[in-house]
Amino acid sequence: LKIRWQDGMWEIVDYQHHKMGRGGAVVKTKLRNIDTGSIVENGFRAGE
């Protein structure tokens, strides 16, 4: 999946859904910048 994030175009390389106890769920992702090819890991709140 390709998304716009932080003023750039990113492709999802990997993702995992994590539910932590009483807290909200988090989706941990590995994203590749389409323009530069760099890969970053980031967590997003569920529903973002």
All heavy atoms as atom14 arrays in JSON, in Angstrom:
{
  "sequence": "LKIRWQDGMWEIVDYQHHKMGRGGAVVKTKLRNIDTGSIVENGFRAGE",
  "atom14_mask": [
    [1, 1, 1, 1, 1, 1, 1, 1, 0, 0, 0, 0, 0, 0],
    [1, 1, 1, 1, 1, 1, 1, 1, 1, 0, 0, 0, 0, 0],
    [1, 1, 1, 1, 1, 1, 1, 1, 0, 0, 0, 0, 0, 0],
    [1, 1, 1, 1, 1, 1, 1, 1, 1, 1, 1, 0, 0, 0],
    [1, 1, 1, 1, 1, 1, 1, 1, 1, 1, 1, 1, 1, 1],
    [1, 1, 1, 1, 1, 1, 1, 1, 1, 0, 0, 0, 0, 0],
    [1, 1, 1, 1, 1, 1, 1, 1, 0, 0, 0, 0, 0, 0],
    [1, 1, 1, 1, 0, 0, 0, 0, 0, 0, 0, 0, 0, 0],
    [1, 1, 1, 1, 1, 1, 1, 1, 0, 0, 0, 0, 0, 0],
    [1, 1, 1, 1, 1, 1, 1, 1, 1, 1, 1, 1, 1, 1],
    [1, 1, 1, 1, 1, 1, 1, 1, 1, 0, 0, 0, 0, 0],
    [1, 1, 1, 1, 1, 1, 1, 1, 0, 0, 0, 0, 0, 0],
    [1, 1, 1, 1, 1, 1, 1, 0, 0, 0, 0, 0, 0, 0],
    [1, 1, 1, 1, 1, 1, 1, 1, 0, 0, 0, 0, 0, 0],
    [1, 1, 1, 1, 1, 1, 1, 1, 1, 1, 1, 1, 0, 0],
    [1, 1, 1, 1, 1, 1, 1, 1, 1, 0, 0, 0, 0, 0],
    [1, 1, 1, 1, 1, 1, 1, 1, 1, 1, 0, 0, 0, 0],
    [1, 1, 1, 1, 1, 1, 1, 1, 1, 1, 0, 0, 0, 0],
    [1, 1, 1, 1, 1, 1, 1, 1, 1, 0, 0, 0, 0, 0],
    [1, 1, 1, 1, 1, 1, 1, 1, 0, 0, 0, 0, 0, 0],
    [1, 1, 1, 1, 0, 0, 0, 0, 0, 0, 0, 0, 0, 0],
    [1, 1, 1, 1, 1, 1, 1, 1, 1, 1, 1, 0, 0, 0],
    [1, 1, 1, 1, 0, 0, 0, 0, 0, 0, 0, 0, 0, 0],
    [1, 1, 1, 1, 0, 0, 0, 0, 0, 0, 0, 0, 0, 0],
    [1, 1, 1, 1, 1, 0, 0, 0, 0, 0, 0, 0, 0, 0],
    [1, 1, 1, 1, 1, 1, 1, 0, 0, 0, 0, 0, 0, 0],
    [1, 1, 1, 1, 1, 1, 1, 0, 0, 0, 0, 0, 0, 0],
    [1, 1, 1, 1, 1, 1, 1, 1, 1, 0, 0, 0, 0, 0],
    [1, 1, 1, 1, 1, 1, 1, 0, 0, 0, 0, 0, 0, 0],
    [1, 1, 1, 1, 1, 1, 1, 1, 1, 0, 0, 0, 0, 0],
    [1, 1, 1, 1, 1, 1, 1, 1, 0, 0, 0, 0, 0, 0],
    [1, 1, 1, 1, 1, 1, 1, 1, 1, 1, 1, 0, 0, 0],
    [1, 1, 1, 1, 1, 1, 1, 1, 0, 0, 0, 0, 0, 0],
    [1, 1, 1, 1, 1, 1, 1, 1, 0, 0, 0, 0, 0, 0],
    [1, 1, 1, 1, 1, 1, 1, 1, 0, 0, 0, 0, 0, 0],
    [1, 1, 1, 1, 1, 1, 1, 0, 0, 0, 0, 0, 0, 0],
    [1, 1, 1, 1, 0, 0, 0, 0, 0, 0, 0, 0, 0, 0],
    [1, 1, 1, 1, 1, 1, 0, 0, 0, 0, 0, 0, 0, 0],
    [1, 1, 1, 1, 1, 1, 1, 1, 0, 0, 0, 0, 0, 0],
    [1, 1, 1, 1, 1, 1, 1, 0, 0, 0, 0, 0, 0, 0],
    [1, 1, 1, 1, 1, 1, 1, 1, 1, 0, 0, 0, 0, 0],
    [1, 1, 1, 1, 1, 1, 1, 1, 0, 0, 0, 0, 0, 0],
    [1, 1, 1, 1, 0, 0, 0, 0, 0, 0, 0, 0, 0, 0],
    [1, 1, 1, 1, 1, 1, 1, 1, 1, 1, 1, 0, 0, 0],
    [1, 1, 1, 1, 1, 1, 1, 1, 1, 1, 1, 0, 0, 0],
    [1, 1, 1, 1, 1, 0, 0, 0, 0, 0, 0, 0, 0, 0],
    [1, 1, 1, 1, 0, 0, 0, 0, 0, 0, 0, 0, 0, 0],
    [1, 1, 1, 1, 1, 1, 1, 1, 1, 0, 0, 0, 0, 0]
  ],
  "atom14_positions": [
    [[0.85, -1.19, 0.0], [0.0, 0.0, 0.0], [0.89, 1.24, 0.0], [1.88, 1.3, 0.72], [-0.9, 0.0, 1.23], [-1.8, 1.23, 1.42], [-2.89, 1.25, 0.35], [-2.41, 1.24, 2.8], [0.0, 0.0, 0.0], [0.0, 0.0, 0.0], [0.0, 0.0, 0.0], [0.0, 0.0, 0.0], [0.0, 0.0, 0.0], [0.0, 0.0, 0.0]],
    [[0.52, 2.23, -0.8], [1.27, 3.47, -0.86], [0.44, 4.57, -0.24], [-0.72, 4.75, -0.57], [1.62, 3.8, -2.31], [2.68, 2.86, -2.86], [2.39, 2.5, -4.3], [3.38, 1.5, -4.83], [2.96, 0.14, -4.62], [0.0, 0.0, 0.0], [0.0, 0.0, 0.0], [0.0, 0.0, 0.0], [0.0, 0.0, 0.0], [0.0, 0.0, 0.0]],
    [[1.07, 5.32, 0.7], [0.37, 6.38, 1.42], [1.2, 7.66, 1.42], [2.4, 7.64, 1.17], [0.06, 5.98, 2.88], [1.35, 5.69, 3.65], [-0.9, 4.81, 2.94], [1.16, 5.49, 5.14], [0.0, 0.0, 0.0], [0.0, 0.0, 0.0], [0.0, 0.0, 0.0], [0.0, 0.0, 0.0], [0.0, 0.0, 0.0], [0.0, 0.0, 0.0]],
    [[0.52, 8.79, 1.69], [1.21, 10.06, 1.87], [1.36, 10.27, 3.37], [0.38, 10.2, 4.12], [0.4, 11.21, 1.26], [1.14, 12.53, 1.33], [0.5, 13.61, 0.5], [0.28, 13.24, -0.89], [1.23, 13.22, -1.85], [2.47, 13.52, -1.54], [0.93, 12.9, -3.09], [0.0, 0.0, 0.0], [0.0, 0.0, 0.0], [0.0, 0.0, 0.0]],
    [[2.62, 10.49, 3.8], [2.93, 10.66, 5.22], [4.15, 11.55, 5.32], [5.1, 11.39, 4.54], [3.18, 9.29, 5.86], [3.6, 9.31, 7.28], [2.9, 9.79, 8.34], [4.83, 8.81, 7.81], [3.62, 9.62, 9.5], [4.81, 9.03, 9.2], [5.95, 8.22, 7.25], [5.86, 8.66, 10.03], [6.99, 7.85, 8.08], [6.94, 8.07, 9.46]],
    [[4.16, 12.5, 6.22], [5.26, 13.43, 6.44], [5.7, 14.09, 5.12], [6.89, 14.13, 4.8], [6.45, 12.74, 7.08], [6.22, 12.33, 8.51], [7.47, 11.78, 9.16], [8.43, 11.39, 8.49], [7.47, 11.74, 10.47], [0.0, 0.0, 0.0], [0.0, 0.0, 0.0], [0.0, 0.0, 0.0], [0.0, 0.0, 0.0], [0.0, 0.0, 0.0]],
    [[4.77, 14.6, 4.37], [5.04, 15.29, 3.1], [5.83, 14.44, 2.11], [6.62, 14.95, 1.33], [5.79, 16.61, 3.35], [4.95, 17.58, 4.16], [3.72, 17.56, 3.99], [5.53, 18.34, 4.97], [0.0, 0.0, 0.0], [0.0, 0.0, 0.0], [0.0, 0.0, 0.0], [0.0, 0.0, 0.0], [0.0, 0.0, 0.0], [0.0, 0.0, 0.0]],
    [[5.64, 13.13, 2.14], [6.32, 12.24, 1.21], [5.42, 11.09, 0.81], [4.33, 10.9, 1.36], [0.0, 0.0, 0.0], [0.0, 0.0, 0.0], [0.0, 0.0, 0.0], [0.0, 0.0, 0.0], [0.0, 0.0, 0.0], [0.0, 0.0, 0.0], [0.0, 0.0, 0.0], [0.0, 0.0, 0.0], [0.0, 0.0, 0.0], [0.0, 0.0, 0.0]],
    [[5.9, 10.3, -0.17], [5.17, 9.11, -0.6], [5.89, 7.9, -0.03], [7.1, 7.75, -0.21], [5.14, 9.04, -2.13], [4.36, 10.16, -2.76], [4.16, 9.99, -4.54], [5.85, 10.14, -5.1], [0.0, 0.0, 0.0], [0.0, 0.0, 0.0], [0.0, 0.0, 0.0], [0.0, 0.0, 0.0], [0.0, 0.0, 0.0], [0.0, 0.0, 0.0]],
    [[5.13, 7.02, 0.64], [5.7, 5.88, 1.33], [4.96, 4.61, 0.94], [3.76, 4.63, 0.74], [5.61, 6.07, 2.83], [6.38, 7.25, 3.32], [5.97, 8.55, 3.31], [7.69, 7.26, 3.86], [6.94, 9.36, 3.83], [8.02, 8.58, 4.18], [8.62, 6.26, 4.13], [9.24, 8.95, 4.74], [9.83, 6.62, 4.68], [10.14, 7.95, 4.98]],
    [[5.71, 3.51, 0.87], [5.12, 2.2, 0.6], [5.28, 1.34, 1.84], [6.35, 1.31, 2.46], [5.84, 1.53, -0.58], [5.32, 0.15, -0.88], [6.04, -0.51, -2.04], [7.09, 0.0, -2.46], [5.54, -1.53, -2.5], [0.0, 0.0, 0.0], [0.0, 0.0, 0.0], [0.0, 0.0, 0.0], [0.0, 0.0, 0.0], [0.0, 0.0, 0.0]],
    [[4.22, 0.64, 2.22], [4.27, -0.23, 3.4], [4.99, -1.52, 3.03], [4.58, -2.24, 2.13], [2.86, -0.52, 3.93], [2.23, 0.78, 4.39], [2.9, -1.55, 5.05], [0.79, 0.67, 4.83], [0.0, 0.0, 0.0], [0.0, 0.0, 0.0], [0.0, 0.0, 0.0], [0.0, 0.0, 0.0], [0.0, 0.0, 0.0], [0.0, 0.0, 0.0]],
    [[6.1, -1.77, 3.72], [6.91, -2.97, 3.49], [6.47, -4.08, 4.43], [6.44, -5.25, 4.05], [8.41, -2.65, 3.68], [9.26, -3.88, 3.52], [8.86, -1.56, 2.72], [0.0, 0.0, 0.0], [0.0, 0.0, 0.0], [0.0, 0.0, 0.0], [0.0, 0.0, 0.0], [0.0, 0.0, 0.0], [0.0, 0.0, 0.0], [0.0, 0.0, 0.0]],
    [[6.11, -3.71, 5.66], [5.68, -4.69, 6.66], [4.84, -3.96, 7.7], [5.03, -2.76, 7.93], [6.9, -5.34, 7.33], [6.53, -6.53, 8.2], [5.5, -7.18, 7.92], [7.25, -6.79, 9.17], [0.0, 0.0, 0.0], [0.0, 0.0, 0.0], [0.0, 0.0, 0.0], [0.0, 0.0, 0.0], [0.0, 0.0, 0.0], [0.0, 0.0, 0.0]],
    [[3.92, -4.67, 8.33], [3.12, -4.06, 9.39], [2.65, -5.14, 10.36], [2.53, -6.3, 9.99], [1.91, -3.3, 8.83], [0.84, -4.2, 8.27], [-0.27, -4.54, 9.03], [0.95, -4.74, 6.99], [-1.25, -5.38, 8.52], [-0.01, -5.58, 6.49], [-1.11, -5.89, 7.25], [-2.05, -6.73, 6.75], [0.0, 0.0, 0.0], [0.0, 0.0, 0.0]],
    [[2.42, -4.74, 11.62], [1.92, -5.64, 12.65], [0.98, -4.87, 13.54], [1.26, -3.73, 13.92], [3.07, -6.2, 13.49], [4.0, -7.1, 12.74], [5.12, -7.61, 13.63], [5.35, -7.11, 14.71], [5.83, -8.61, 13.13], [0.0, 0.0, 0.0], [0.0, 0.0, 0.0], [0.0, 0.0, 0.0], [0.0, 0.0, 0.0], [0.0, 0.0, 0.0]],
    [[-0.12, -5.48, 13.89], [-1.12, -4.87, 14.76], [-0.84, -5.33, 16.19], [-0.75, -6.53, 16.44], [-2.52, -5.3, 14.31], [-3.61, -4.66, 15.09], [-4.04, -3.38, 14.86], [-4.38, -5.13, 16.11], [-5.02, -3.09, 15.69], [-5.24, -4.14, 16.46], [0.0, 0.0, 0.0], [0.0, 0.0, 0.0], [0.0, 0.0, 0.0], [0.0, 0.0, 0.0]],
    [[-0.68, -4.37, 17.12], [-0.39, -4.7, 18.52], [-1.46, -4.11, 19.42], [-1.76, -2.93, 19.35], [0.97, -4.11, 18.95], [2.13, -4.76, 18.31], [2.68, -5.92, 18.77], [2.85, -4.42, 17.22], [3.69, -6.26, 18.0], [3.81, -5.36, 17.05], [0.0, 0.0, 0.0], [0.0, 0.0, 0.0], [0.0, 0.0, 0.0], [0.0, 0.0, 0.0]],
    [[-2.04, -4.94, 20.29], [-3.0, -4.48, 21.29], [-2.31, -4.6, 22.63], [-1.89, -5.68, 23.04], [-4.26, -5.35, 21.25], [-5.24, -5.06, 22.34], [-5.96, -3.75, 22.1], [-7.07, -3.61, 23.12], [-7.05, -2.38, 23.84], [0.0, 0.0, 0.0], [0.0, 0.0, 0.0], [0.0, 0.0, 0.0], [0.0, 0.0, 0.0], [0.0, 0.0, 0.0]],
    [[-2.16, -3.45, 23.31], [-1.42, -3.45, 24.57], [-2.36, -3.24, 25.75], [-2.82, -2.12, 25.97], [-0.38, -2.33, 24.55], [0.67, -2.52, 23.5], [1.98, -1.35, 23.68], [1.66, -0.28, 22.32], [0.0, 0.0, 0.0], [0.0, 0.0, 0.0], [0.0, 0.0, 0.0], [0.0, 0.0, 0.0], [0.0, 0.0, 0.0], [0.0, 0.0, 0.0]],
    [[-2.65, -4.29, 26.46], [-3.42, -4.22, 27.7], [-4.57, -3.25, 27.68], [-5.47, -3.35, 26.86], [0.0, 0.0, 0.0], [0.0, 0.0, 0.0], [0.0, 0.0, 0.0], [0.0, 0.0, 0.0], [0.0, 0.0, 0.0], [0.0, 0.0, 0.0], [0.0, 0.0, 0.0], [0.0, 0.0, 0.0], [0.0, 0.0, 0.0], [0.0, 0.0, 0.0]],
    [[-4.54, -2.26, 28.57], [-5.62, -1.28, 28.66], [-5.46, -0.17, 27.63], [-6.4, 0.54, 27.34], [-5.64, -0.66, 30.05], [-6.04, -1.62, 31.1], [-6.11, -0.91, 32.41], [-6.6, -1.82, 33.43], [-7.09, -1.44, 34.54], [-7.17, -0.16, 34.84], [-7.53, -2.32, 35.42], [0.0, 0.0, 0.0], [0.0, 0.0, 0.0], [0.0, 0.0, 0.0]],
    [[-4.28, 0.02, 27.12], [-4.05, 1.1, 26.16], [-4.65, 0.79, 24.81], [-5.16, -0.3, 24.56], [0.0, 0.0, 0.0], [0.0, 0.0, 0.0], [0.0, 0.0, 0.0], [0.0, 0.0, 0.0], [0.0, 0.0, 0.0], [0.0, 0.0, 0.0], [0.0, 0.0, 0.0], [0.0, 0.0, 0.0], [0.0, 0.0, 0.0], [0.0, 0.0, 0.0]],
    [[-4.61, 1.75, 23.93], [-5.13, 1.56, 22.59], [-4.21, 0.72, 21.74], [-3.04, 0.52, 22.06], [0.0, 0.0, 0.0], [0.0, 0.0, 0.0], [0.0, 0.0, 0.0], [0.0, 0.0, 0.0], [0.0, 0.0, 0.0], [0.0, 0.0, 0.0], [0.0, 0.0, 0.0], [0.0, 0.0, 0.0], [0.0, 0.0, 0.0], [0.0, 0.0, 0.0]],
    [[-4.75, 0.22, 20.66], [-3.96, -0.6, 19.74], [-3.0, 0.27, 18.94], [-3.26, 1.45, 18.7], [-4.89, -1.35, 18.8], [0.0, 0.0, 0.0], [0.0, 0.0, 0.0], [0.0, 0.0, 0.0], [0.0, 0.0, 0.0], [0.0, 0.0, 0.0], [0.0, 0.0, 0.0], [0.0, 0.0, 0.0], [0.0, 0.0, 0.0], [0.0, 0.0, 0.0]],
    [[-1.89, -0.33, 18.55], [-0.87, 0.36, 17.76], [-0.54, -0.51, 16.56], [-0.48, -1.73, 16.66], [0.41, 0.58, 18.61], [1.53, 1.16, 17.77], [0.11, 1.47, 19.8], [0.0, 0.0, 0.0], [0.0, 0.0, 0.0], [0.0, 0.0, 0.0], [0.0, 0.0, 0.0], [0.0, 0.0, 0.0], [0.0, 0.0, 0.0], [0.0, 0.0, 0.0]],
    [[-0.35, 0.13, 15.43], [0.07, -0.59, 14.22], [1.52, -0.21, 13.96], [1.83, 0.94, 13.66], [-0.81, -0.22, 13.01], [-0.33, -0.94, 11.76], [-2.26, -0.56, 13.29], [0.0, 0.0, 0.0], [0.0, 0.0, 0.0], [0.0, 0.0, 0.0], [0.0, 0.0, 0.0], [0.0, 0.0, 0.0], [0.0, 0.0, 0.0], [0.0, 0.0, 0.0]],
    [[2.42, -1.18, 14.12], [3.85, -0.95, 13.87], [4.13, -1.25, 12.42], [3.76, -2.31, 11.91], [4.71, -1.83, 14.79], [4.57, -1.45, 16.24], [5.51, -2.21, 17.11], [5.36, -1.75, 18.55], [6.36, -2.33, 19.41], [0.0, 0.0, 0.0], [0.0, 0.0, 0.0], [0.0, 0.0, 0.0], [0.0, 0.0, 0.0], [0.0, 0.0, 0.0]],
    [[4.77, -0.32, 11.74], [5.0, -0.46, 10.31], [6.46, -0.27, 9.95], [7.22, 0.38, 10.67], [4.18, 0.58, 9.51], [4.59, 1.88, 9.91], [2.71, 0.4, 9.71], [0.0, 0.0, 0.0], [0.0, 0.0, 0.0], [0.0, 0.0, 0.0], [0.0, 0.0, 0.0], [0.0, 0.0, 0.0], [0.0, 0.0, 0.0], [0.0, 0.0, 0.0]],
    [[6.82, -0.84, 8.83], [8.11, -0.59, 8.19], [7.75, 0.04, 6.85], [7.01, -0.55, 6.06], [8.89, -1.88, 8.0], [10.33, -1.66, 7.57], [11.06, -2.97, 7.43], [11.41, -3.54, 8.79], [12.3, -4.7, 8.7], [0.0, 0.0, 0.0], [0.0, 0.0, 0.0], [0.0, 0.0, 0.0], [0.0, 0.0, 0.0], [0.0, 0.0, 0.0]],
    [[8.22, 1.27, 6.61], [7.84, 2.04, 5.44], [9.06, 2.35, 4.57], [10.13, 2.66, 5.11], [7.18, 3.36, 5.85], [5.96, 3.23, 6.74], [5.77, 4.49, 7.56], [4.74, 2.97, 5.91], [0.0, 0.0, 0.0], [0.0, 0.0, 0.0], [0.0, 0.0, 0.0], [0.0, 0.0, 0.0], [0.0, 0.0, 0.0], [0.0, 0.0, 0.0]],
    [[8.89, 2.3, 3.25], [9.97, 2.66, 2.32], [9.57, 3.95, 1.61], [8.49, 4.05, 1.04], [10.19, 1.57, 1.28], [11.34, 1.87, 0.32], [11.59, 0.74, -0.65], [10.46, 0.51, -1.53], [10.24, 1.17, -2.67], [11.09, 2.09, -3.07], [9.19, 0.9, -3.41], [0.0, 0.0, 0.0], [0.0, 0.0, 0.0], [0.0, 0.0, 0.0]],
    [[10.47, 4.94, 1.65], [10.23, 6.19, 0.95], [10.38, 5.94, -0.54], [11.42, 5.45, -0.99], [11.22, 7.26, 1.42], [10.92, 8.61, 0.84], [10.89, 8.77, -0.37], [10.73, 9.58, 1.71], [0.0, 0.0, 0.0], [0.0, 0.0, 0.0], [0.0, 0.0, 0.0], [0.0, 0.0, 0.0], [0.0, 0.0, 0.0], [0.0, 0.0, 0.0]],
    [[9.36, 6.26, -1.31], [9.37, 5.97, -2.75], [10.4, 6.82, -3.47], [11.03, 6.37, -4.43], [7.95, 6.15, -3.33], [7.04, 5.07, -2.75], [7.97, 6.09, -4.86], [5.59, 5.22, -3.09], [0.0, 0.0, 0.0], [0.0, 0.0, 0.0], [0.0, 0.0, 0.0], [0.0, 0.0, 0.0], [0.0, 0.0, 0.0], [0.0, 0.0, 0.0]],
    [[10.61, 8.06, -3.01], [11.55, 8.95, -3.68], [13.01, 8.6, -3.4], [13.84, 8.58, -4.3], [11.3, 10.4, -3.28], [9.96, 10.91, -3.75], [9.52, 10.49, -4.84], [9.34, 11.71, -3.04], [0.0, 0.0, 0.0], [0.0, 0.0, 0.0], [0.0, 0.0, 0.0], [0.0, 0.0, 0.0], [0.0, 0.0, 0.0], [0.0, 0.0, 0.0]],
    [[13.33, 8.29, -2.14], [14.73, 8.07, -1.76], [15.1, 6.6, -1.57], [16.27, 6.26, -1.58], [15.05, 8.8, -0.44], [14.26, 8.23, 0.61], [14.77, 10.29, -0.57], [0.0, 0.0, 0.0], [0.0, 0.0, 0.0], [0.0, 0.0, 0.0], [0.0, 0.0, 0.0], [0.0, 0.0, 0.0], [0.0, 0.0, 0.0], [0.0, 0.0, 0.0]],
    [[14.12, 5.75, -1.33], [14.39, 4.33, -1.1], [14.72, 4.0, 0.34], [14.91, 2.85, 0.69], [0.0, 0.0, 0.0], [0.0, 0.0, 0.0], [0.0, 0.0, 0.0], [0.0, 0.0, 0.0], [0.0, 0.0, 0.0], [0.0, 0.0, 0.0], [0.0, 0.0, 0.0], [0.0, 0.0, 0.0], [0.0, 0.0, 0.0], [0.0, 0.0, 0.0]],
    [[14.8, 5.03, 1.22], [15.13, 4.78, 2.62], [13.97, 4.08, 3.32], [12.81, 4.27, 2.97], [15.46, 6.09, 3.33], [14.33, 6.94, 3.34], [0.0, 0.0, 0.0], [0.0, 0.0, 0.0], [0.0, 0.0, 0.0], [0.0, 0.0, 0.0], [0.0, 0.0, 0.0], [0.0, 0.0, 0.0], [0.0, 0.0, 0.0], [0.0, 0.0, 0.0]],
    [[14.31, 3.28, 4.32], [13.3, 2.52, 5.07], [13.31, 2.99, 6.52], [14.37, 3.13, 7.13], [13.56, 1.01, 4.98], [13.38, 0.54, 3.54], [12.65, 0.24, 5.93], [13.6, -0.92, 3.32], [0.0, 0.0, 0.0], [0.0, 0.0, 0.0], [0.0, 0.0, 0.0], [0.0, 0.0, 0.0], [0.0, 0.0, 0.0], [0.0, 0.0, 0.0]],
    [[12.11, 3.25, 7.06], [11.97, 3.65, 8.46], [10.91, 2.78, 9.12], [10.05, 2.22, 8.45], [11.57, 5.15, 8.6], [12.62, 6.05, 8.03], [10.23, 5.42, 7.96], [0.0, 0.0, 0.0], [0.0, 0.0, 0.0], [0.0, 0.0, 0.0], [0.0, 0.0, 0.0], [0.0, 0.0, 0.0], [0.0, 0.0, 0.0], [0.0, 0.0, 0.0]],
    [[11.02, 2.67, 10.45], [10.0, 1.97, 11.23], [9.24, 3.01, 12.03], [9.84, 3.94, 12.58], [10.66, 0.95, 12.15], [11.3, -0.19, 11.39], [11.85, -1.27, 12.3], [11.48, -1.29, 13.5], [12.64, -2.08, 11.82], [0.0, 0.0, 0.0], [0.0, 0.0, 0.0], [0.0, 0.0, 0.0], [0.0, 0.0, 0.0], [0.0, 0.0, 0.0]],
    [[7.91, 2.85, 12.08], [7.09, 3.82, 12.81], [5.84, 3.13, 13.33], [5.35, 2.19, 12.72], [6.71, 4.98, 11.89], [6.16, 6.15, 12.65], [6.85, 6.73, 13.47], [4.91, 6.49, 12.41], [0.0, 0.0, 0.0], [0.0, 0.0, 0.0], [0.0, 0.0, 0.0], [0.0, 0.0, 0.0], [0.0, 0.0, 0.0], [0.0, 0.0, 0.0]],
    [[5.34, 3.62, 14.46], [4.1, 3.11, 15.01], [2.99, 4.14, 14.86], [3.21, 5.33, 15.06], [0.0, 0.0, 0.0], [0.0, 0.0, 0.0], [0.0, 0.0, 0.0], [0.0, 0.0, 0.0], [0.0, 0.0, 0.0], [0.0, 0.0, 0.0], [0.0, 0.0, 0.0], [0.0, 0.0, 0.0], [0.0, 0.0, 0.0], [0.0, 0.0, 0.0]],
    [[1.8, 3.68, 14.48], [0.65, 4.56, 14.33], [-0.46, 4.08, 15.26], [-0.62, 2.88, 15.47], [0.12, 4.53, 12.9], [1.1, 5.0, 11.87], [1.7, 4.09, 11.01], [1.42, 6.34, 11.75], [2.6, 4.51, 10.05], [2.32, 6.77, 10.8], [2.91, 5.86, 9.95], [0.0, 0.0, 0.0], [0.0, 0.0, 0.0], [0.0, 0.0, 0.0]],
    [[-1.23, 5.02, 15.79], [-2.39, 4.65, 16.6], [-3.43, 3.99, 15.7], [-3.6, 4.39, 14.55], [-3.0, 5.88, 17.26], [-2.16, 6.39, 18.42], [-2.73, 7.67, 18.99], [-2.34, 8.74, 18.05], [-3.14, 9.69, 17.62], [-4.38, 9.77, 18.03], [-2.7, 10.6, 16.77], [0.0, 0.0, 0.0], [0.0, 0.0, 0.0], [0.0, 0.0, 0.0]],
    [[-4.11, 2.99, 16.19], [-5.16, 2.32, 15.41], [-6.22, 3.34, 15.03], [-6.62, 4.17, 15.84], [-5.77, 1.19, 16.21], [0.0, 0.0, 0.0], [0.0, 0.0, 0.0], [0.0, 0.0, 0.0], [0.0, 0.0, 0.0], [0.0, 0.0, 0.0], [0.0, 0.0, 0.0], [0.0, 0.0, 0.0], [0.0, 0.0, 0.0], [0.0, 0.0, 0.0]],
    [[-6.63, 3.3, 13.78], [-7.66, 4.21, 13.3], [-7.12, 5.48, 12.67], [-7.88, 6.27, 12.11], [0.0, 0.0, 0.0], [0.0, 0.0, 0.0], [0.0, 0.0, 0.0], [0.0, 0.0, 0.0], [0.0, 0.0, 0.0], [0.0, 0.0, 0.0], [0.0, 0.0, 0.0], [0.0, 0.0, 0.0], [0.0, 0.0, 0.0], [0.0, 0.0, 0.0]],
    [[-5.81, 5.71, 12.77], [-5.22, 6.89, 12.15], [-5.44, 6.82, 10.63], [-5.39, 5.75, 10.04], [-3.71, 6.93, 12.47], [-3.19, 8.32, 12.63], [-1.77, 8.35, 13.19], [-1.46, 7.57, 14.1], [-1.0, 9.17, 12.69], [0.0, 0.0, 0.0], [0.0, 0.0, 0.0], [0.0, 0.0, 0.0], [0.0, 0.0, 0.0], [0.0, 0.0, 0.0]]
  ]
}
